[in-house]
Amino acid sequence: MEEGTSKSPGHTPVTDPAYCQIWDPREDCEVRQILDRIADKWSLLVIALLDLRTLRFTELRREIDGISQRMLTVTLRQLERDGLVRRTVHPVVPPRVDYELTPLGATLHDTIEALINWTEEHRQEIAAARDDYDRRAADSELVDA
């Protein structure tokens, strides 16, 4: 590696075979596609809620503030396709559909819980950094004007 070359993942060339096995930033990389799906804000909320219990579609929609019916449908289908959520249709009138985490989805919840705990632990530091940034940005706008 040349002197002055960054070793951080954001600067590692995609052509490095060892790096591509771990994380490949290209859109067609399967790992990136999975991360894009599970790190989506709606997916995180659905997985967190389903860890508590099995829920019906309407219950999920009521619990997730701001999600549209279409977006919840898309999110649930993608999570089901990835094997993280199980959809059960009960043969009653009107039809009843329940959603629950699969064992694979339950393992992902542990990771999400760690992320939530990290966020809670550092939220005051982040709020202070945001305030500092906003003050500097406002001062910069005054200088630029």
N, C-alpha and C. Protein backbone atom coordinates (compact mmCIF):
# COMPACT_ATOMS: atom_id res chain seq x y z
N MET A 1 0.85 -1.17 0.00
CA MET A 1 0.00 0.00 0.00
C MET A 1 0.90 1.23 0.00
N GLU A 2 0.58 2.20 -0.85
CA GLU A 2 1.37 3.41 -0.94
C GLU A 2 1.20 4.27 0.28
N GLU A 3 2.25 5.03 0.58
CA GLU A 3 2.20 5.94 1.71
C GLU A 3 1.09 6.96 1.48
N GLY A 4 0.30 7.23 2.51
CA GLY A 4 -0.78 8.21 2.40
C GLY A 4 -2.10 7.62 1.91
N THR A 5 -2.11 6.33 1.58
CA THR A 5 -3.34 5.70 1.12
C THR A 5 -4.17 5.29 2.33
N SER A 6 -5.44 5.63 2.30
CA SER A 6 -6.32 5.32 3.42
C SER A 6 -6.63 3.83 3.47
N LYS A 7 -6.67 3.31 4.69
CA LYS A 7 -7.04 1.90 4.88
C LYS A 7 -8.51 1.75 5.25
N SER A 8 -9.25 2.86 5.31
CA SER A 8 -10.65 2.77 5.71
C SER A 8 -11.48 2.12 4.61
N PRO A 9 -12.56 1.40 4.99
CA PRO A 9 -13.38 0.70 4.01
C PRO A 9 -13.93 1.61 2.92
N GLY A 10 -14.19 2.85 3.24
CA GLY A 10 -14.73 3.77 2.24
C GLY A 10 -13.76 4.09 1.13
N HIS A 11 -12.49 3.80 1.36
CA HIS A 11 -11.46 4.11 0.37
C HIS A 11 -10.79 2.88 -0.21
N THR A 12 -11.21 1.70 0.20
CA THR A 12 -10.60 0.48 -0.30
C THR A 12 -11.08 0.22 -1.71
N PRO A 13 -10.17 -0.07 -2.62
CA PRO A 13 -10.60 -0.32 -4.00
C PRO A 13 -11.49 -1.54 -4.10
N VAL A 14 -12.49 -1.48 -4.95
CA VAL A 14 -13.43 -2.58 -5.14
C VAL A 14 -12.72 -3.80 -5.71
N THR A 15 -11.59 -3.60 -6.36
CA THR A 15 -10.87 -4.70 -6.98
C THR A 15 -10.11 -5.57 -5.98
N ASP A 16 -10.01 -5.15 -4.73
CA ASP A 16 -9.33 -5.94 -3.71
C ASP A 16 -10.20 -7.14 -3.36
N PRO A 17 -9.80 -8.37 -3.72
CA PRO A 17 -10.66 -9.54 -3.52
C PRO A 17 -11.06 -9.78 -2.06
N ALA A 18 -10.15 -9.57 -1.12
CA ALA A 18 -10.48 -9.79 0.29
C ALA A 18 -11.56 -8.81 0.74
N TYR A 19 -11.48 -7.60 0.27
CA TYR A 19 -12.45 -6.58 0.64
C TYR A 19 -13.82 -6.90 0.05
N CYS A 20 -13.88 -7.31 -1.18
CA CYS A 20 -15.16 -7.58 -1.84
C CYS A 20 -15.91 -8.73 -1.18
N GLN A 21 -15.22 -9.64 -0.57
CA GLN A 21 -15.89 -10.75 0.11
C GLN A 21 -16.62 -10.26 1.35
N ILE A 22 -16.13 -9.20 1.95
CA ILE A 22 -16.75 -8.69 3.17
C ILE A 22 -17.80 -7.62 2.84
N TRP A 23 -17.44 -6.67 2.02
CA TRP A 23 -18.35 -5.56 1.73
C TRP A 23 -18.03 -5.01 0.36
N ASP A 24 -19.00 -5.02 -0.49
CA ASP A 24 -18.84 -4.53 -1.85
C ASP A 24 -19.86 -3.42 -2.06
N PRO A 25 -19.43 -2.19 -2.31
CA PRO A 25 -20.36 -1.07 -2.42
C PRO A 25 -21.18 -1.03 -3.71
N ARG A 26 -20.93 -1.93 -4.63
CA ARG A 26 -21.69 -1.91 -5.88
C ARG A 26 -23.14 -2.31 -5.64
N GLU A 27 -24.05 -1.72 -6.41
CA GLU A 27 -25.48 -1.99 -6.24
C GLU A 27 -25.85 -3.44 -6.43
N ASP A 28 -25.15 -4.14 -7.30
CA ASP A 28 -25.52 -5.53 -7.57
C ASP A 28 -24.91 -6.52 -6.57
N CYS A 29 -24.23 -6.03 -5.56
CA CYS A 29 -23.66 -6.90 -4.53
C CYS A 29 -24.78 -7.41 -3.62
N GLU A 30 -24.84 -8.71 -3.41
CA GLU A 30 -25.90 -9.30 -2.61
C GLU A 30 -25.87 -8.82 -1.16
N VAL A 31 -24.68 -8.69 -0.60
CA VAL A 31 -24.57 -8.23 0.79
C VAL A 31 -25.13 -6.81 0.90
N ARG A 32 -24.78 -5.95 -0.04
CA ARG A 32 -25.30 -4.59 -0.02
C ARG A 32 -26.82 -4.59 -0.15
N GLN A 33 -27.36 -5.43 -1.01
CA GLN A 33 -28.81 -5.49 -1.19
C GLN A 33 -29.51 -5.92 0.10
N ILE A 34 -28.95 -6.89 0.79
CA ILE A 34 -29.53 -7.34 2.06
C ILE A 34 -29.44 -6.23 3.11
N LEU A 35 -28.28 -5.58 3.20
CA LEU A 35 -28.13 -4.48 4.15
C LEU A 35 -29.08 -3.33 3.83
N ASP A 36 -29.24 -3.01 2.55
CA ASP A 36 -30.18 -1.96 2.17
C ASP A 36 -31.59 -2.29 2.66
N ARG A 37 -31.96 -3.55 2.58
CA ARG A 37 -33.29 -3.97 2.99
C ARG A 37 -33.46 -3.94 4.51
N ILE A 38 -32.56 -4.57 5.22
CA ILE A 38 -32.76 -4.69 6.66
C ILE A 38 -32.42 -3.41 7.42
N ALA A 39 -31.65 -2.52 6.81
CA ALA A 39 -31.31 -1.27 7.47
C ALA A 39 -32.31 -0.16 7.14
N ASP A 40 -33.28 -0.46 6.33
CA ASP A 40 -34.34 0.48 5.98
C ASP A 40 -35.14 0.81 7.24
N LYS A 41 -35.54 2.07 7.39
CA LYS A 41 -36.22 2.47 8.64
C LYS A 41 -37.50 1.68 8.89
N TRP A 42 -38.25 1.35 7.84
CA TRP A 42 -39.51 0.62 8.05
C TRP A 42 -39.23 -0.81 8.46
N SER A 43 -38.24 -1.43 7.82
CA SER A 43 -37.89 -2.81 8.18
C SER A 43 -37.44 -2.92 9.62
N LEU A 44 -36.63 -1.97 10.06
CA LEU A 44 -36.16 -1.98 11.45
C LEU A 44 -37.34 -1.92 12.42
N LEU A 45 -38.29 -1.05 12.12
CA LEU A 45 -39.45 -0.92 13.00
C LEU A 45 -40.32 -2.17 12.99
N VAL A 46 -40.55 -2.74 11.82
CA VAL A 46 -41.36 -3.96 11.72
C VAL A 46 -40.70 -5.09 12.51
N ILE A 47 -39.41 -5.27 12.33
CA ILE A 47 -38.70 -6.35 13.03
C ILE A 47 -38.74 -6.13 14.54
N ALA A 48 -38.55 -4.89 14.97
CA ALA A 48 -38.60 -4.59 16.40
C ALA A 48 -39.98 -4.89 16.98
N LEU A 49 -41.03 -4.52 16.27
CA LEU A 49 -42.39 -4.77 16.76
C LEU A 49 -42.75 -6.26 16.76
N LEU A 50 -42.33 -6.97 15.74
CA LEU A 50 -42.66 -8.39 15.65
C LEU A 50 -41.87 -9.23 16.64
N ASP A 51 -40.81 -8.68 17.19
CA ASP A 51 -40.08 -9.42 18.21
C ASP A 51 -40.92 -9.58 19.47
N LEU A 52 -41.80 -8.63 19.69
CA LEU A 52 -42.64 -8.66 20.89
C LEU A 52 -43.76 -9.69 20.79
N ARG A 53 -44.36 -9.80 19.59
CA ARG A 53 -45.48 -10.74 19.41
C ARG A 53 -45.89 -10.78 17.95
N THR A 54 -46.75 -11.73 17.62
CA THR A 54 -47.34 -11.81 16.30
C THR A 54 -48.35 -10.67 16.16
N LEU A 55 -48.34 -10.01 15.01
CA LEU A 55 -49.25 -8.89 14.79
C LEU A 55 -49.97 -9.02 13.46
N ARG A 56 -51.15 -8.46 13.40
CA ARG A 56 -51.90 -8.36 12.15
C ARG A 56 -51.44 -7.11 11.42
N PHE A 57 -51.74 -7.07 10.12
CA PHE A 57 -51.35 -5.93 9.29
C PHE A 57 -51.83 -4.62 9.88
N THR A 58 -53.12 -4.58 10.26
CA THR A 58 -53.68 -3.33 10.79
C THR A 58 -53.02 -2.92 12.11
N GLU A 59 -52.62 -3.89 12.91
CA GLU A 59 -51.93 -3.58 14.15
C GLU A 59 -50.56 -2.97 13.87
N LEU A 60 -49.85 -3.55 12.92
CA LEU A 60 -48.55 -3.00 12.54
C LEU A 60 -48.69 -1.57 12.02
N ARG A 61 -49.66 -1.37 11.15
CA ARG A 61 -49.86 -0.04 10.57
C ARG A 61 -50.19 0.98 11.65
N ARG A 62 -50.98 0.59 12.62
CA ARG A 62 -51.35 1.49 13.71
C ARG A 62 -50.14 1.82 14.59
N GLU A 63 -49.26 0.85 14.78
CA GLU A 63 -48.09 1.03 15.64
C GLU A 63 -46.97 1.85 15.00
N ILE A 64 -46.87 1.82 13.67
CA ILE A 64 -45.76 2.49 12.97
C ILE A 64 -46.24 3.83 12.44
N ASP A 65 -45.94 4.86 13.16
CA ASP A 65 -46.36 6.21 12.79
C ASP A 65 -45.72 6.63 11.47
N GLY A 66 -46.54 7.07 10.54
CA GLY A 66 -46.04 7.62 9.29
C GLY A 66 -45.92 6.65 8.13
N ILE A 67 -46.14 5.37 8.35
CA ILE A 67 -46.01 4.41 7.24
C ILE A 67 -47.34 4.31 6.50
N SER A 68 -47.24 4.29 5.17
CA SER A 68 -48.45 4.13 4.36
C SER A 68 -48.79 2.65 4.24
N GLN A 69 -50.02 2.38 3.83
CA GLN A 69 -50.44 0.99 3.64
C GLN A 69 -49.57 0.33 2.58
N ARG A 70 -49.30 1.04 1.50
CA ARG A 70 -48.48 0.49 0.42
C ARG A 70 -47.07 0.18 0.90
N MET A 71 -46.46 1.11 1.65
CA MET A 71 -45.09 0.91 2.12
C MET A 71 -45.00 -0.25 3.10
N LEU A 72 -46.00 -0.39 3.95
CA LEU A 72 -46.01 -1.52 4.89
C LEU A 72 -46.14 -2.83 4.12
N THR A 73 -47.00 -2.86 3.11
CA THR A 73 -47.17 -4.06 2.28
C THR A 73 -45.85 -4.43 1.61
N VAL A 74 -45.18 -3.46 1.00
CA VAL A 74 -43.91 -3.70 0.32
C VAL A 74 -42.86 -4.20 1.31
N THR A 75 -42.78 -3.56 2.46
CA THR A 75 -41.79 -3.93 3.48
C THR A 75 -42.02 -5.36 3.96
N LEU A 76 -43.26 -5.69 4.26
CA LEU A 76 -43.57 -7.04 4.74
C LEU A 76 -43.26 -8.09 3.67
N ARG A 77 -43.59 -7.80 2.43
CA ARG A 77 -43.30 -8.77 1.34
C ARG A 77 -41.80 -8.99 1.20
N GLN A 78 -41.02 -7.90 1.29
CA GLN A 78 -39.56 -8.03 1.16
C GLN A 78 -38.98 -8.82 2.33
N LEU A 79 -39.46 -8.55 3.52
CA LEU A 79 -38.97 -9.28 4.69
C LEU A 79 -39.38 -10.75 4.64
N GLU A 80 -40.56 -11.01 4.11
CA GLU A 80 -41.01 -12.39 3.93
C GLU A 80 -40.14 -13.10 2.89
N ARG A 81 -39.86 -12.41 1.79
CA ARG A 81 -39.02 -12.98 0.73
C ARG A 81 -37.63 -13.32 1.25
N ASP A 82 -37.10 -12.48 2.13
CA ASP A 82 -35.77 -12.70 2.69
C ASP A 82 -35.77 -13.73 3.83
N GLY A 83 -36.93 -14.26 4.17
CA GLY A 83 -37.01 -15.28 5.20
C GLY A 83 -36.97 -14.75 6.62
N LEU A 84 -37.26 -13.46 6.79
CA LEU A 84 -37.19 -12.85 8.12
C LEU A 84 -38.55 -12.79 8.80
N VAL A 85 -39.61 -12.77 7.99
CA VAL A 85 -40.98 -12.66 8.50
C VAL A 85 -41.81 -13.79 7.90
N ARG A 86 -42.69 -14.35 8.72
CA ARG A 86 -43.62 -15.38 8.25
C ARG A 86 -45.02 -14.78 8.20
N ARG A 87 -45.69 -14.99 7.09
CA ARG A 87 -47.06 -14.51 6.88
C ARG A 87 -47.99 -15.71 6.94
N THR A 88 -49.01 -15.64 7.82
CA THR A 88 -49.96 -16.73 7.94
C THR A 88 -51.36 -16.21 7.65
N VAL A 89 -52.01 -16.81 6.65
CA VAL A 89 -53.38 -16.43 6.28
C VAL A 89 -54.32 -17.44 6.91
N HIS A 90 -55.27 -16.94 7.69
CA HIS A 90 -56.26 -17.80 8.35
C HIS A 90 -57.54 -17.82 7.50
N PRO A 91 -58.08 -19.03 7.24
CA PRO A 91 -59.26 -19.15 6.37
C PRO A 91 -60.56 -18.78 7.09
N VAL A 92 -60.70 -17.51 7.40
CA VAL A 92 -61.92 -17.02 8.04
C VAL A 92 -62.44 -15.84 7.23
N VAL A 93 -63.68 -15.44 7.52
CA VAL A 93 -64.27 -14.29 6.85
C VAL A 93 -64.54 -13.23 7.91
N PRO A 94 -64.01 -12.03 7.76
CA PRO A 94 -63.04 -11.61 6.73
C PRO A 94 -61.68 -12.28 6.97
N PRO A 95 -60.87 -12.35 5.91
CA PRO A 95 -59.56 -13.01 6.04
C PRO A 95 -58.71 -12.36 7.13
N ARG A 96 -57.99 -13.18 7.85
CA ARG A 96 -57.09 -12.68 8.88
C ARG A 96 -55.68 -13.11 8.52
N VAL A 97 -54.77 -12.13 8.52
CA VAL A 97 -53.37 -12.39 8.19
C VAL A 97 -52.51 -11.96 9.36
N ASP A 98 -51.68 -12.88 9.83
CA ASP A 98 -50.76 -12.60 10.94
C ASP A 98 -49.34 -12.59 10.42
N TYR A 99 -48.51 -11.76 11.06
CA TYR A 99 -47.09 -11.69 10.73
C TYR A 99 -46.29 -11.95 12.00
N GLU A 100 -45.22 -12.73 11.84
CA GLU A 100 -44.34 -13.02 12.96
C GLU A 100 -42.91 -13.16 12.45
N LEU A 101 -41.96 -12.97 13.34
CA LEU A 101 -40.57 -13.18 12.95
C LEU A 101 -40.29 -14.66 12.81
N THR A 102 -39.48 -15.00 11.84
CA THR A 102 -38.97 -16.36 11.72
C THR A 102 -37.80 -16.49 12.69
N PRO A 103 -37.29 -17.69 12.90
CA PRO A 103 -36.09 -17.82 13.73
C PRO A 103 -34.92 -16.96 13.20
N LEU A 104 -34.79 -16.88 11.87
CA LEU A 104 -33.75 -16.04 11.28
C LEU A 104 -33.99 -14.56 11.61
N GLY A 105 -35.24 -14.13 11.50
CA GLY A 105 -35.58 -12.75 11.84
C GLY A 105 -35.32 -12.43 13.30
N ALA A 106 -35.55 -13.41 14.16
CA ALA A 106 -35.31 -13.21 15.60
C ALA A 106 -33.82 -12.98 15.87
N THR A 107 -32.95 -13.64 15.11
CA THR A 107 -31.52 -13.42 15.30
C THR A 107 -31.13 -12.00 14.89
N LEU A 108 -31.81 -11.46 13.91
CA LEU A 108 -31.54 -10.09 13.46
C LEU A 108 -31.99 -9.09 14.51
N HIS A 109 -33.05 -9.42 15.23
CA HIS A 109 -33.54 -8.50 16.25
C HIS A 109 -32.47 -8.19 17.30
N ASP A 110 -31.65 -9.16 17.65
CA ASP A 110 -30.57 -8.92 18.62
C ASP A 110 -29.64 -7.81 18.14
N THR A 111 -29.34 -7.81 16.87
CA THR A 111 -28.48 -6.78 16.29
C THR A 111 -29.18 -5.42 16.31
N ILE A 112 -30.45 -5.41 15.97
CA ILE A 112 -31.22 -4.16 15.99
C ILE A 112 -31.29 -3.62 17.41
N GLU A 113 -31.48 -4.49 18.37
CA GLU A 113 -31.54 -4.06 19.77
C GLU A 113 -30.22 -3.42 20.19
N ALA A 114 -29.10 -3.97 19.73
CA ALA A 114 -27.79 -3.38 20.03
C ALA A 114 -27.68 -1.98 19.42
N LEU A 115 -28.18 -1.82 18.22
CA LEU A 115 -28.17 -0.51 17.56
C LEU A 115 -29.05 0.49 18.31
N ILE A 116 -30.20 0.05 18.76
CA ILE A 116 -31.10 0.92 19.54
C ILE A 116 -30.42 1.31 20.85
N ASN A 117 -29.79 0.36 21.51
CA ASN A 117 -29.10 0.65 22.76
C ASN A 117 -27.96 1.65 22.54
N TRP A 118 -27.20 1.50 21.45
CA TRP A 118 -26.13 2.43 21.13
C TRP A 118 -26.70 3.83 20.91
N THR A 119 -27.81 3.90 20.18
CA THR A 119 -28.44 5.19 19.90
C THR A 119 -28.90 5.86 21.19
N GLU A 120 -29.53 5.10 22.04
CA GLU A 120 -30.00 5.64 23.32
C GLU A 120 -28.83 6.13 24.17
N GLU A 121 -27.76 5.36 24.18
CA GLU A 121 -26.58 5.71 24.98
C GLU A 121 -25.90 6.99 24.48
N HIS A 122 -25.95 7.24 23.18
CA HIS A 122 -25.21 8.36 22.59
C HIS A 122 -26.08 9.50 22.08
N ARG A 123 -27.38 9.45 22.33
CA ARG A 123 -28.27 10.45 21.75
C ARG A 123 -27.97 11.87 22.21
N GLN A 124 -27.55 12.05 23.46
CA GLN A 124 -27.23 13.40 23.93
C GLN A 124 -25.98 13.95 23.25
N GLU A 125 -24.99 13.09 23.02
CA GLU A 125 -23.79 13.52 22.30
C GLU A 125 -24.14 13.90 20.86
N ILE A 126 -25.01 13.14 20.26
CA ILE A 126 -25.42 13.43 18.88
C ILE A 126 -26.22 14.72 18.82
N ALA A 127 -27.11 14.92 19.79
CA ALA A 127 -27.89 16.17 19.84
C ALA A 127 -26.96 17.37 20.00
N ALA A 128 -25.94 17.25 20.86
CA ALA A 128 -24.98 18.34 21.04
C ALA A 128 -24.20 18.60 19.76
N ALA A 129 -23.78 17.53 19.08
CA ALA A 129 -23.05 17.69 17.82
C ALA A 129 -23.93 18.36 16.76
N ARG A 130 -25.19 18.00 16.71
CA ARG A 130 -26.12 18.63 15.76
C ARG A 130 -26.29 20.11 16.06
N ASP A 131 -26.47 20.44 17.33
CA ASP A 131 -26.60 21.84 17.72
C ASP A 131 -25.36 22.63 17.32
N ASP A 132 -24.19 22.07 17.59
CA ASP A 132 -22.92 22.71 17.23
C ASP A 132 -22.83 22.92 15.72
N TYR A 133 -23.16 21.89 14.97
CA TYR A 133 -23.12 21.97 13.51
C TYR A 133 -24.08 23.05 13.01
N ASP A 134 -25.31 23.05 13.53
CA ASP A 134 -26.31 24.03 13.10
C ASP A 134 -25.86 25.45 13.40
N ARG A 135 -25.21 25.66 14.55
CA ARG A 135 -24.70 26.99 14.88
C ARG A 135 -23.61 27.41 13.90
N ARG A 136 -22.69 26.49 13.62
CA ARG A 136 -21.61 26.80 12.67
C ARG A 136 -22.17 27.06 11.27
N ALA A 137 -23.18 26.27 10.87
CA ALA A 137 -23.78 26.45 9.55
C ALA A 137 -24.48 27.80 9.46
N ALA A 138 -25.17 28.19 10.53
CA ALA A 138 -25.85 29.49 10.56
C ALA A 138 -24.83 30.62 10.50
N ASP A 139 -23.73 30.49 11.25
CA ASP A 139 -22.67 31.51 11.21
C ASP A 139 -22.04 31.60 9.82
N SER A 140 -21.87 30.45 9.19
CA SER A 140 -21.30 30.41 7.85
C SER A 140 -22.21 31.10 6.84
N GLU A 141 -23.51 30.93 6.98
CA GLU A 141 -24.46 31.58 6.08
C GLU A 141 -24.39 33.09 6.23
N LEU A 142 -24.17 33.58 7.43
CA LEU A 142 -24.04 35.02 7.64
C LEU A 142 -22.80 35.55 6.95
N VAL A 143 -21.70 34.79 7.00
CA VAL A 143 -20.45 35.20 6.36
C VAL A 143 -20.60 35.18 4.85
N ASP A 144 -21.31 34.17 4.31
CA ASP A 144 -21.48 34.04 2.86
C ASP A 144 -22.42 35.10 2.30
N ALA A 145 -23.32 35.64 3.12
CA ALA A 145 -24.33 36.59 2.63
C ALA A 145 -23.78 37.92 2.34
